[in-house]
PDB file of N, CA and C in Angstrom:
ATOM      1  N   MET A   1     198.614 -16.609 104.307  1.00  0.00           N
ATOM      2  CA  MET A   1     197.946 -15.902 104.973  1.00  0.00           C
ATOM      3  C   MET A   1     196.480 -16.556 105.207  1.00  0.00           C
ATOM      4  N   GLY A   2     196.061 -17.396 104.294  1.00  0.00           N
ATOM      5  CA  GLY A   2     194.703 -17.897 104.337  1.00  0.00           C
ATOM      6  C   GLY A   2     194.510 -18.923 105.403  1.00  0.00           C
ATOM      7  N   CYS A   3     195.518 -19.477 106.215  1.00  0.00           N
ATOM      8  CA  CYS A   3     195.346 -20.470 106.999  1.00  0.00           C
ATOM      9  C   CYS A   3     195.171 -19.942 108.485  1.00  0.00           C
ATOM     10  N   HIS A   4     194.412 -20.750 109.295  1.00  0.00           N
ATOM     11  CA  HIS A   4     194.369 -20.261 110.685  1.00  0.00           C
ATOM     12  C   HIS A   4     195.479 -20.462 111.714  1.00  0.00           C
ATOM     13  N   PRO A   5     195.941 -19.547 112.642  1.00  0.00           N
ATOM     14  CA  PRO A   5     197.123 -20.039 113.226  1.00  0.00           C
ATOM     15  C   PRO A   5     196.992 -21.164 113.896  1.00  0.00           C
ATOM     16  N   ASP A   6     196.240 -21.791 114.601  1.00  0.00           N
ATOM     17  CA  ASP A   6     196.327 -22.650 115.313  1.00  0.00           C
ATOM     18  C   ASP A   6     196.297 -24.065 114.362  1.00  0.00           C
ATOM     19  N   TYR A   7     195.764 -24.045 113.101  1.00  0.00           N
ATOM     20  CA  TYR A   7     195.916 -25.020 111.822  1.00  0.00           C
ATOM     21  C   TYR A   7     197.610 -25.001 111.486  1.00  0.00           C
ATOM     22  N   LEU A   8     198.097 -23.836 111.569  1.00  0.00           N
ATOM     23  CA  LEU A   8     199.470 -23.592 110.957  1.00  0.00           C
ATOM     24  C   LEU A   8     200.398 -24.220 111.982  1.00  0.00           C
ATOM     25  N   GLU A   9     200.035 -24.197 113.197  1.00  0.00           N
ATOM     26  CA  GLU A   9     200.715 -24.568 114.569  1.00  0.00           C
ATOM     27  C   GLU A   9     200.888 -25.952 114.187  1.00  0.00           C
ATOM     28  N   ARG A  10     199.701 -26.323 114.244  1.00  0.00           N
ATOM     29  CA  ARG A  10     199.445 -27.981 114.130  1.00  0.00           C
ATOM     30  C   ARG A  10     200.467 -28.524 113.079  1.00  0.00           C
ATOM     31  N   GLU A  11     200.330 -28.143 111.841  1.00  0.00           N
ATOM     32  CA  GLU A  11     200.795 -28.288 110.777  1.00  0.00           C
ATOM     33  C   GLU A  11     202.476 -28.428 111.128  1.00  0.00           C
ATOM     34  N   ILE A  12     203.148 -27.342 111.632  1.00  0.00           N
ATOM     35  CA  ILE A  12     204.569 -27.128 112.049  1.00  0.00           C
ATOM     36  C   ILE A  12     204.949 -28.312 112.992  1.00  0.00           C
ATOM     37  N   GLU A  13     204.023 -28.701 113.963  1.00  0.00           N
ATOM     38  CA  GLU A  13     204.089 -29.668 114.955  1.00  0.00           C
ATOM     39  C   GLU A  13     204.298 -31.052 114.376  1.00  0.00           C
ATOM     40  N   THR A  14     203.408 -31.283 113.253  1.00  0.00           N
ATOM     41  CA  THR A  14     203.581 -32.466 112.581  1.00  0.00           C
ATOM     42  C   THR A  14     204.759 -32.787 111.806  1.00  0.00           C
ATOM     43  N   GLU A  15     205.096 -31.556 111.113  1.00  0.00           N
ATOM     44  CA  GLU A  15     206.392 -31.547 109.980  1.00  0.00           C
ATOM     45  C   GLU A  15     207.534 -31.823 111.361  1.00  0.00           C
ATOM     46  N   LEU A  16     207.686 -31.308 112.272  1.00  0.00           N
ATOM     47  CA  LEU A  16     208.767 -31.374 113.378  1.00  0.00           C
ATOM     48  C   LEU A  16     209.008 -32.817 113.691  1.00  0.00           C
ATOM     49  N   LEU A  17     207.901 -33.520 113.994  1.00  0.00           N
ATOM     50  CA  LEU A  17     207.764 -34.951 114.289  1.00  0.00           C
ATOM     51  C   LEU A  17     208.456 -35.780 113.050  1.00  0.00           C
ATOM     52  N   LEU A  18     208.153 -35.310 111.942  1.00  0.00           N
ATOM     53  CA  LEU A  18     208.415 -36.197 110.683  1.00  0.00           C
ATOM     54  C   LEU A  18     209.947 -35.729 110.005  1.00  0.00           C
ATOM     55  N   THR A  19     210.418 -34.846 110.436  1.00  0.00           N
ATOM     56  CA  THR A  19     211.634 -34.249 110.064  1.00  0.00           C
ATOM     57  C   THR A  19     212.945 -34.646 111.152  1.00  0.00           C
ATOM     58  N   ASN A  20     214.307 -34.771 110.345  1.00  0.00           N
ATOM     59  CA  ASN A  20     215.503 -35.178 111.099  1.00  0.00           C
ATOM     60  C   ASN A  20     215.744 -33.989 111.921  1.00  0.00           C
ATOM     61  N   SER A  21     216.002 -34.116 113.141  1.00  0.00           N
ATOM     62  CA  SER A  21     216.076 -32.858 114.226  1.00  0.00           C
ATOM     63  C   SER A  21     217.310 -32.178 113.836  1.00  0.00           C
ATOM     64  N   ASN A  22     218.357 -32.958 113.175  1.00  0.00           N
ATOM     65  CA  ASN A  22     219.834 -32.491 112.812  1.00  0.00           C
ATOM     66  C   ASN A  22     219.901 -31.646 111.545  1.00  0.00           C
ATOM     67  N   GLY A  23     218.703 -31.433 110.901  1.00  0.00           N
ATOM     68  CA  GLY A  23     218.708 -30.586 109.484  1.00  0.00           C
ATOM     69  C   GLY A  23     218.325 -29.391 109.651  1.00  0.00           C
ATOM     70  N   TYR A  24     218.613 -28.455 108.477  1.00  0.00           N
ATOM     71  CA  TYR A  24     218.290 -27.249 108.516  1.00  0.00           C
ATOM     72  C   TYR A  24     216.658 -26.878 108.412  1.00  0.00           C
ATOM     73  N   THR A  25     215.955 -27.832 107.956  1.00  0.00           N
ATOM     74  CA  THR A  25     214.433 -28.107 107.848  1.00  0.00           C
ATOM     75  C   THR A  25     213.965 -27.873 109.241  1.00  0.00           C
ATOM     76  N   TYR A  26     214.396 -28.811 110.110  1.00  0.00           N
ATOM     77  CA  TYR A  26     214.068 -28.757 111.403  1.00  0.00           C
ATOM     78  C   TYR A  26     214.035 -27.529 112.205  1.00  0.00           C
ATOM     79  N   ALA A  27     215.446 -26.796 111.883  1.00  0.00           N
ATOM     80  CA  ALA A  27     215.696 -25.394 112.656  1.00  0.00           C
ATOM     81  C   ALA A  27     214.677 -24.406 112.095  1.00  0.00           C
ATOM     82  N   CYS A  28     214.170 -24.421 110.504  1.00  0.00           N
ATOM     83  CA  CYS A  28     213.419 -23.608 110.076  1.00  0.00           C
ATOM     84  C   CYS A  28     212.101 -23.560 110.745  1.00  0.00           C
ATOM     85  N   LEU A  29     211.624 -24.857 110.935  1.00  0.00           N
ATOM     86  CA  LEU A  29     210.277 -25.229 111.427  1.00  0.00           C
ATOM     87  C   LEU A  29     210.372 -24.876 112.938  1.00  0.00           C
ATOM     88  N   GLY A  30     211.155 -24.912 113.752  1.00  0.00           N
ATOM     89  CA  GLY A  30     211.378 -24.638 114.964  1.00  0.00           C
ATOM     90  C   GLY A  30     211.414 -23.054 115.246  1.00  0.00           C
ATOM     91  N   TYR A  31     211.932 -22.220 114.006  1.00  0.00           N
ATOM     92  CA  TYR A  31     212.072 -20.874 113.912  1.00  0.00           C
ATOM     93  C   TYR A  31     210.458 -20.432 113.827  1.00  0.00           C
ATOM     94  N   ALA A  32     209.779 -21.368 112.986  1.00  0.00           N
ATOM     95  CA  ALA A  32     208.602 -20.844 112.698  1.00  0.00           C
ATOM     96  C   ALA A  32     207.582 -20.972 113.495  1.00  0.00           C
ATOM     97  N   ARG A  33     207.760 -22.007 114.499  1.00  0.00           N
ATOM     98  CA  ARG A  33     206.804 -22.351 115.526  1.00  0.00           C
ATOM     99  C   ARG A  33     207.037 -21.272 116.627  1.00  0.00           C
ATOM    100  N   ARG A  34     208.228 -20.936 116.868  1.00  0.00           N
ATOM    101  CA  ARG A  34     208.467 -19.749 117.686  1.00  0.00           C
ATOM    102  C   ARG A  34     207.934 -18.454 117.305  1.00  0.00           C
ATOM    103  N   ILE A  35     208.092 -18.107 116.062  1.00  0.00           N
ATOM    104  CA  ILE A  35     207.493 -16.702 115.487  1.00  0.00           C
ATOM    105  C   ILE A  35     205.973 -16.974 115.555  1.00  0.00           C
ATOM    106  N   LEU A  36     205.346 -17.928 115.449  1.00  0.00           N
ATOM    107  CA  LEU A  36     203.957 -18.166 115.490  1.00  0.00           C
ATOM    108  C   LEU A  36     203.694 -17.826 116.970  1.00  0.00           C
ATOM    109  N   ARG A  37     204.335 -18.458 117.816  1.00  0.00           N
ATOM    110  CA  ARG A  37     204.122 -18.237 119.113  1.00  0.00           C
ATOM    111  C   ARG A  37     204.125 -16.973 119.998  1.00  0.00           C
ATOM    112  N   ASN A  38     205.231 -16.259 119.496  1.00  0.00           N
ATOM    113  CA  ASN A  38     205.615 -14.833 119.637  1.00  0.00           C
ATOM    114  C   ASN A  38     204.337 -13.991 119.175  1.00  0.00           C
ATOM    115  N   LEU A  39     204.022 -14.284 117.943  1.00  0.00           N
ATOM    116  CA  LEU A  39     202.835 -13.596 117.334  1.00  0.00           C
ATOM    117  C   LEU A  39     201.848 -13.435 118.341  1.00  0.00           C
ATOM    118  N   ARG A  40     201.294 -14.722 118.422  1.00  0.00           N
ATOM    119  CA  ARG A  40     200.319 -15.140 119.488  1.00  0.00           C
ATOM    120  C   ARG A  40     200.241 -14.467 120.989  1.00  0.00           C
ATOM    121  N   ASN A  41     201.446 -14.550 121.668  1.00  0.00           N
ATOM    122  CA  ASN A  41     201.549 -13.784 122.721  1.00  0.00           C
ATOM    123  C   ASN A  41     201.719 -12.432 122.823  1.00  0.00           C
ATOM    124  N   SER A  42     202.030 -11.624 121.497  1.00  0.00           N
ATOM    125  CA  SER A  42     202.087 -10.052 121.412  1.00  0.00           C
ATOM    126  C   SER A  42     200.548  -9.543 121.281  1.00  0.00           C
ATOM    127  N   GLY A  43     199.740 -10.477 120.913  1.00  0.00           N
ATOM    128  CA  GLY A  43     198.198 -10.126 120.717  1.00  0.00           C
ATOM    129  C   GLY A  43     197.824 -10.017 119.183  1.00  0.00           C
ATOM    130  N   GLN A  44     198.696 -10.463 118.346  1.00  0.00           N
ATOM    131  CA  GLN A  44     198.722 -10.309 117.046  1.00  0.00           C
ATOM    132  C   GLN A  44     197.276 -11.077 116.466  1.00  0.00           C
ATOM    133  N   PHE A  45     196.923 -12.136 117.137  1.00  0.00           N
ATOM    134  CA  PHE A  45     195.917 -12.713 116.506  1.00  0.00           C
ATOM    135  C   PHE A  45     194.421 -12.691 117.215  1.00  0.00           C
ATOM    136  N   ASP A  46     194.555 -11.691 118.330  1.00  0.00           N
ATOM    137  CA  ASP A  46     193.447 -11.190 118.803  1.00  0.00           C
ATOM    138  C   ASP A  46     192.277 -10.745 117.863  1.00  0.00           C
ATOM    139  N   GLY A  47     191.190 -11.277 118.452  1.00  0.00           N
ATOM    140  CA  GLY A  47     189.957 -10.975 117.451  1.00  0.00           C
ATOM    141  C   GLY A  47     189.829 -12.002 116.167  1.00  0.00           C
ATOM    142  N   LEU A  48     190.873 -12.954 116.030  1.00  0.00           N
ATOM    143  CA  LEU A  48     190.535 -13.702 114.947  1.00  0.00           C
ATOM    144  C   LEU A  48     189.482 -14.824 115.314  1.00  0.00           C
ATOM    145  N   PRO A  49     188.852 -15.136 114.204  1.00  0.00           N
ATOM    146  CA  PRO A  49     187.716 -16.409 114.723  1.00  0.00           C
ATOM    147  C   PRO A  49     188.425 -17.618 115.062  1.00  0.00           C
ATOM    148  N   THR A  50     187.693 -18.383 116.159  1.00  0.00           N
ATOM    149  CA  THR A  50     188.162 -19.555 116.522  1.00  0.00           C
ATOM    150  C   THR A  50     188.333 -20.639 115.411  1.00  0.00           C
ATOM    151  N   CYS A  51     189.122 -21.928 115.811  1.00  0.00           N
ATOM    152  CA  CYS A  51     189.244 -22.596 114.621  1.00  0.00           C
ATOM    153  C   CYS A  51     187.755 -23.250 114.310  1.00  0.00           C
ATOM    154  N   ASN A  52     186.687 -23.402 115.219  1.00  0.00           N
ATOM    155  CA  ASN A  52     185.381 -24.048 114.594  1.00  0.00           C
ATOM    156  C   ASN A  52     184.557 -22.720 113.735  1.00  0.00           C
ATOM    157  N   GLN A  53     184.963 -21.733 114.004  1.00  0.00           N
ATOM    158  CA  GLN A  53     184.384 -20.482 113.193  1.00  0.00           C
ATOM    159  C   GLN A  53     185.144 -20.381 111.778  1.00  0.00           C
ATOM    160  N   PHE A  54     186.460 -20.968 111.821  1.00  0.00           N
ATOM    161  CA  PHE A  54     187.066 -20.905 110.875  1.00  0.00           C
ATOM    162  C   PHE A  54     186.873 -21.948 109.608  1.00  0.00           C
ATOM    163  N   GLU A  55     186.606 -23.225 110.384  1.00  0.00           N
ATOM    164  CA  GLU A  55     186.003 -24.077 109.429  1.00  0.00           C
ATOM    165  C   GLU A  55     184.748 -24.015 108.598  1.00  0.00           C
ATOM    166  N   GLN A  56     183.953 -23.033 109.458  1.00  0.00           N
ATOM    167  CA  GLN A  56     182.959 -22.751 108.669  1.00  0.00           C
ATOM    168  C   GLN A  56     182.934 -21.764 107.537  1.00  0.00           C
ATOM    169  N   ILE A  57     183.996 -20.595 108.062  1.00  0.00           N
ATOM    170  CA  ILE A  57     184.355 -19.738 107.034  1.00  0.00           C
ATOM    171  C   ILE A  57     185.098 -20.490 105.794  1.00  0.00           C
ATOM    172  N   ASN A  58     186.079 -21.117 106.035  1.00  0.00           N
ATOM    173  CA  ASN A  58     186.450 -21.904 104.794  1.00  0.00           C
ATOM    174  C   ASN A  58     185.562 -22.624 103.936  1.00  0.00           C
ATOM    175  N   LEU A  59     184.445 -22.914 104.414  1.00  0.00           N
ATOM    176  CA  LEU A  59     183.508 -23.584 103.420  1.00  0.00           C
ATOM    177  C   LEU A  59     182.736 -22.882 102.327  1.00  0.00           C
ATOM    178  N   VAL A  60     182.657 -21.561 102.656  1.00  0.00           N
ATOM    179  CA  VAL A  60     181.908 -20.927 101.911  1.00  0.00           C
ATOM    180  C   VAL A  60     183.107 -19.855 101.139  1.00  0.00           C
ATOM    181  N   ARG A  61     183.184 -19.817  99.829  1.00  0.00           N
ATOM    182  CA  ARG A  61     184.358 -19.236  99.395  1.00  0.00           C
ATOM    183  C   ARG A  61     184.593 -17.606  99.424  1.00  0.00           C
ATOM    184  N   PRO A  62     183.088 -16.856  99.511  1.00  0.00           N
ATOM    185  CA  PRO A  62     183.327 -15.309  99.628  1.00  0.00           C
ATOM    186  C   PRO A  62     183.670 -15.119 100.874  1.00  0.00           C
ATOM    187  N   ARG A  63     183.418 -15.856 101.819  1.00  0.00           N
ATOM    188  CA  ARG A  63     183.976 -15.716 103.269  1.00  0.00           C
ATOM    189  C   ARG A  63     185.160 -15.903 103.476  1.00  0.00           C
ATOM    190  N   ARG A  64     185.570 -17.031 102.881  1.00  0.00           N
ATOM    191  CA  ARG A  64     186.975 -17.330 103.165  1.00  0.00           C
ATOM    192  C   ARG A  64     187.950 -15.991 102.156  1.00  0.00           C
ATOM    193  N   ALA A  65     187.562 -15.846 101.205  1.00  0.00           N
ATOM    194  CA  ALA A  65     188.187 -14.544 100.564  1.00  0.00           C
ATOM    195  C   ALA A  65     188.302 -13.443 101.698  1.00  0.00           C
ATOM    196  N   ARG A  66     187.292 -12.987 102.334  1.00  0.00           N
ATOM    197  CA  ARG A  66     187.206 -12.007 103.302  1.00  0.00           C
ATOM    198  C   ARG A  66     188.239 -12.272 104.554  1.00  0.00           C
ATOM    199  N   TYR A  67     188.370 -13.703 104.839  1.00  0.00           N
ATOM    200  CA  TYR A  67     189.178 -13.996 106.194  1.00  0.00           C
ATOM    201  C   TYR A  67     190.673 -13.714 105.608  1.00  0.00           C
ATOM    202  N   GLU A  68     191.077 -14.425 104.215  1.00  0.00           N
ATOM    203  CA  GLU A  68     192.329 -14.119 103.733  1.00  0.00           C
ATOM    204  C   GLU A  68     192.471 -12.579 103.421  1.00  0.00           C
ATOM    205  N   MET A  69     191.702 -11.647 102.885  1.00  0.00           N
ATOM    206  CA  MET A  69     192.148 -10.463 102.887  1.00  0.00           C
ATOM    207  C   MET A  69     192.100  -9.795 104.260  1.00  0.00           C
ATOM    208  N   MET A  70     191.777 -10.230 105.306  1.00  0.00           N
ATOM    209  CA  MET A  70     191.687  -9.788 106.600  1.00  0.00           C
ATOM    210  C   MET A  70     193.164 -10.214 107.064  1.00  0.00           C
ATOM    211  N   MET A  71     193.602 -11.380 106.983  1.00  0.00           N
ATOM    212  CA  MET A  71     194.952 -11.764 107.128  1.00  0.00           C
ATOM    213  C   MET A  71     195.973 -10.990 106.701  1.00  0.00           C
ATOM    214  N   TYR A  72     195.827 -10.817 105.417  1.00  0.00           N
ATOM    215  CA  TYR A  72     196.749  -9.957 104.440  1.00  0.00           C
ATOM    216  C   TYR A  72     197.089  -8.678 105.144  1.00  0.00           C
ATOM    217  N   ASN A  73     196.009  -7.914 105.277  1.00  0.00           N
ATOM    218  CA  ASN A  73     195.844  -6.502 105.875  1.00  0.00           C
ATOM    219  C   ASN A  73     196.678  -6.673 107.276  1.00  0.00           C
ATOM    220  N   ARG A  74     196.325  -7.654 107.955  1.00  0.00           N
ATOM    221  CA  ARG A  74     197.257  -7.682 109.271  1.00  0.00           C
ATOM    222  C   ARG A  74     198.817  -8.259 109.392  1.00  0.00           C
ATOM    223  N   PHE A  75     198.761  -9.210 108.117  1.00  0.00           N
ATOM    224  CA  PHE A  75     200.679  -9.568 108.188  1.00  0.00           C
ATOM    225  C   PHE A  75     201.166  -9.294 106.721  1.00  0.00           C
ATOM    226  N   GLY A  76     200.395  -8.426 106.080  1.00  0.00           N
ATOM    227  CA  GLY A  76     201.128  -7.960 104.687  1.00  0.00           C
ATOM    228  C   GLY A  76     202.388  -7.472 104.605  1.00  0.00           C
ATOM    229  N   SER A  77     202.608  -6.629 105.956  1.00  0.00           N
ATOM    230  CA  SER A  77     204.025  -6.216 105.964  1.00  0.00           C
ATOM    231  C   SER A  77     204.800  -6.743 106.918  1.00  0.00           C
ATOM    232  N   PHE A  78     206.073  -7.122 106.254  1.00  0.00           N
ATOM    233  CA  PHE A  78     206.885  -7.963 106.920  1.00  0.00           C
ATOM    234  C   PHE A  78     207.460  -7.582 108.151  1.00  0.00           C
ATOM    235  N   ASP A  79     207.275  -6.238 108.365  1.00  0.00           N
ATOM    236  CA  ASP A  79     207.503  -5.564 109.519  1.00  0.00           C
ATOM    237  C   ASP A  79     206.893  -6.146 110.713  1.00  0.00           C
ATOM    238  N   VAL A  80     205.773  -6.195 110.746  1.00  0.00           N
ATOM    239  CA  VAL A  80     204.789  -6.668 111.646  1.00  0.00           C
ATOM    240  C   VAL A  80     205.404  -8.209 112.390  1.00  0.00           C
ATOM    241  N   VAL A  81     205.801  -9.028 111.418  1.00  0.00           N
ATOM    242  CA  VAL A  81     206.339 -10.591 111.611  1.00  0.00           C
ATOM    243  C   VAL A  81     207.531 -10.106 112.206  1.00  0.00           C
ATOM    244  N   THR A  82     208.525  -9.396 111.870  1.00  0.00           N
ATOM    245  CA  THR A  82     209.704  -9.034 112.538  1.00  0.00           C
ATOM    246  C   THR A  82     209.757  -8.256 113.803  1.00  0.00           C
ATOM    247  N   ARG A  83     208.771  -7.509 114.033  1.00  0.00           N
ATOM    248  CA  ARG A  83     208.569  -6.760 114.968  1.00  0.00           C
ATOM    249  C   ARG A  83     207.943  -7.393 116.416  1.00  0.00           C
ATOM    250  N   TYR A  84     206.883  -8.529 115.981  1.00  0.00           N
ATOM    251  CA  TYR A  84     206.282  -8.954 116.974  1.00  0.00           C
ATOM    252  C   TYR A  84     206.528 -10.617 117.172  1.00  0.00           C
ATOM    253  N   GLY A  85     207.076 -11.219 116.065  1.00  0.00           N
ATOM    254  CA  GLY A  85     207.236 -12.479 115.895  1.00  0.00           C
ATOM    255  C   GLY A  85     208.793 -12.823 116.260  1.00  0.00           C
ATOM    256  N   GLY A  86     209.766 -11.929 115.858  1.00  0.00           N
ATOM    257  CA  GLY A  86     211.059 -12.329 116.043  1.00  0.00           C
ATOM    258  C   GLY A  86     211.486 -12.108 117.673  1.00  0.00           C
ATOM    259  N   ASP A  87     212.592 -12.542 117.937  1.00  0.00           N
ATOM    260  CA  ASP A  87     213.075 -12.518 118.881  1.00  0.00           C
ATOM    261  C   ASP A  87     214.818 -12.454 118.858  1.00  0.00           C
ATOM    262  N   ILE A  88     215.385 -11.820 119.645  1.00  0.00           N
ATOM    263  CA  ILE A  88     216.961 -11.884 119.774  1.00  0.00           C
ATOM    264  C   ILE A  88     217.639 -13.450 119.637  1.00  0.00           C
ATOM    265  N   ASP A  89     216.843 -14.345 120.239  1.00  0.00           N
ATOM    266  CA  ASP A  89     217.492 -15.870 120.052  1.00  0.00           C
ATOM    267  C   ASP A  89     217.323 -16.343 118.741  1.00  0.00           C
ATOM    268  N   ILE A  90     216.275 -15.939 118.130  1.00  0.00           N
ATOM    269  CA  ILE A  90     215.837 -16.411 116.940  1.00  0.00           C
ATOM    270  C   ILE A  90     216.858 -15.840 115.684  1.00  0.00           C
ATOM    271  N   ALA A  91     217.217 -14.700 116.030  1.00  0.00           N
ATOM    272  CA  ALA A  91     218.418 -13.726 115.154  1.00  0.00           C
ATOM    273  C   ALA A  91     219.537 -14.428 115.271  1.00  0.00           C
ATOM    274  N   ARG A  92     219.729 -14.550 116.641  1.00  0.00           N
ATOM    275  CA  ARG A  92     221.376 -15.145 116.941  1.00  0.00           C
ATOM    276  C   ARG A  92     221.421 -16.651 116.313  1.00  0.00           C
ATOM    277  N   GLU A  93     220.493 -17.353 116.559  1.00  0.00           N
ATOM    278  CA  GLU A  93     220.712 -18.923 115.993  1.00  0.00           C
ATOM    279  C   GLU A  93     220.623 -18.995 114.499  1.00  0.00           C
ATOM    280  N   ILE A  94     219.618 -17.985 113.763  1.00  0.00           N
ATOM    281  CA  ILE A  94     219.841 -18.063 112.245  1.00  0.00           C
ATOM    282  C   ILE A  94     221.148 -17.619 111.522  1.00  0.00           C
ATOM    283  N   GLY A  95     221.802 -16.494 112.478  1.00  0.00           N
ATOM    284  CA  GLY A  95     223.053 -16.285 112.161  1.00  0.00           C
ATOM    285  C   GLY A  95     224.053 -17.302 112.622  1.00  0.00           C
ATOM    286  N   GLU A  96     224.092 -18.201 113.230  1.00  0.00           N
ATOM    287  CA  GLU A  96     224.940 -19.134 113.412  1.00  0.00           C
ATOM    288  C   GLU A  96     224.705 -20.369 112.737  1.00  0.00           C
ATOM    289  N   GLN A  97     223.627 -20.426 112.305  1.00  0.00           N
ATOM    290  CA  GLN A  97     223.129 -21.845 111.099  1.00  0.00           C
ATOM    291  C   GLN A  97     223.847 -21.115 109.929  1.00  0.00           C
ATOM    292  N   LEU A  98     223.668 -19.866 109.363  1.00  0.00           N
ATOM    293  CA  LEU A  98     224.406 -19.225 108.204  1.00  0.00           C
ATOM    294  C   LEU A  98     225.937 -19.284 108.298  1.00  0.00           C
ATOM    295  N   ALA A  99     226.341 -19.180 109.553  1.00  0.00           N
ATOM    296  CA  ALA A  99     227.929 -19.218 109.781  1.00  0.00           C
ATOM    297  C   ALA A  99     228.499 -20.544 109.122  1.00  0.00           C
TER     298      ALA A  99
END
């Protein structure tokens, strides 16, 4: 919750490039990327600081703590992520992975 969504997306993309595409980890990273994009498309990240603003926030501990609390308040409920981040294809594919 203390990470900017753009940073998180870059980290996921990097890990996808380094991970075996046939493994469970790759599938989970793919779901994480889709959930992040779904959250973005649903407007859940509206009003967040830009990456450049976040870099400045991240340098000052009290400002970072405020950012983390704001993110916690937005995404502290798992319901927000499932309602806006998930989609029927993710649920189906996870079910197939578990079978």
